[in-house]
Amino acid sequence: MSEALAASSAPVTDTSVTGASGARQFWRRLRAQRAALVAAAVVALLVLVALAAPLLTAIEGQDPTTFHPSLVDSARGGVPVGPLGGMGADHWLGVEPQTGRDLFARLVYGARVSLGVALAATLVQVTIAVVVGVAAALGNRWVDQLLSRVTEIIVALPLMIMSLALLAIVPGSFPRPVLVALVIGLIAWGTLAKIVRAQTLTLKQLDYVAAARLSGWGTWRIARRDLLPGLAAPLITYSALLVPANIGVEAALSFLGVGVKPPTPSWGQMLTAADVWYQAAPQYLLLPAGALFLTVLALTVLGDGVRTALDPRAASRLRVGTGRRREARADASGNADASAPAADGGVPLPRQDTGTPPQDAGTPPHAAGTSAQDAGTPPRDAGVPRPGTSGDDTKEATV
């Protein structure tokens, strides 16, 4: 028992040192990927804009819900008055057709809704997946079978159809952004739970977990102190890829009319109302579509960079910004320098003699060298039959 206690207490210090070293290595690998850094800067800018939406709209002097009927031409069906959809000093990105609401204000407030719903749904997914996956891996056979079957049912459920059904029956008095986040999080956690269960089963076989179990630690203490830190890398990687997927789901639900309801602005809701204005007011369609595309692209690239930084053996799916071209050029120049001829007449320099004669290509390996006593005698026949002789004659000749 004393050896088990020593083995379980020793890795505690090593784990802190290794964790700090691993964090430094992660940041170094992430900084080496220019595409991931650019994506991180874009994501940070989007989050800053979403958080500062009230300040930005106050500087502009507008809000996302006020109607401006005088800024739209009712005779033409509600087309904004003025060039470029009514852009100007008072309305930086123009106004919305038919209503005249400020487009910049609705765009930045829509960023708050889209990013907030996606992050909240991801948090719900990760929480449920960790609880179910760890419980299935640490429980007995019946608990594991039950939770695994429930997880498979959740994975098999169609996300969009179930979301449409749940959002259609919930009363309208319930806060819609919170409801959308809960629906997405409660339906789409199955795949992450399977990953957590598989990773936990792998971590259970490690020596420091066995030492902690022998020292008398309880199951949930082992899970909290030893297993959850080991699950951090795959959870961070998969969560970074879940956020853009959840943004797309929220936009799709709002586009179908069951997501965030007016007057609360949302990028998907703006796309729903802009599908008939792409010719008369193209900025009304292009601005939310471009913001949605940029956000999903930046989060996807950042998630790929995080995945590659946490697992260097995994190749990046990107073709640019990962440093692979620089490494390839360095390897090519190194090979060219190694194979380049010498400067004196283009004749390569002879290899230095190491004192050992090269092995004859036609001589068997076991007959290639001789001992010090037989240095002046030809090598002894190794028993290889000559043409025209049999194996027995060869044995007699070699005796």
Foldseek 3Di string as FASTA:
>chain_A
DVVLVVLLVVCVVVVVVVVVVLVVLLVVLLVLFQLLVVLVVVLVVLVVLLVCLVVVCVVLPFAQPAFDQVQFDVVVPFQGPDPQQQDDSNAPNHADGPGRGRPVSLQSLQSNLLLVLLLLLLVLLLVVLLVLQLCLQLDDPVSVVVSLVVLVVLVPDDLLVQLVVVLVPDDPVPQQSVSLSVSSNVRPNSVSSVVSNVQQNVQCPDDSNVSCVVVPDDSVVCCVPPVVVVCVLVSLLVSLLSSLVSSVSQLVCLLVPSGHDPPRRHLSVQCNVCPVCCPSNVSSNCVSVVVSVSNSVSSNSNSQSSNCSSPVVDDGPDDPRNCPVVVVVVVVVVVCVVPFADPPVRHRDDDDDPPDDDFDPPDDPVQRDDDPVCPPPHTQDPQDDDPPDDSVVSVVVRD
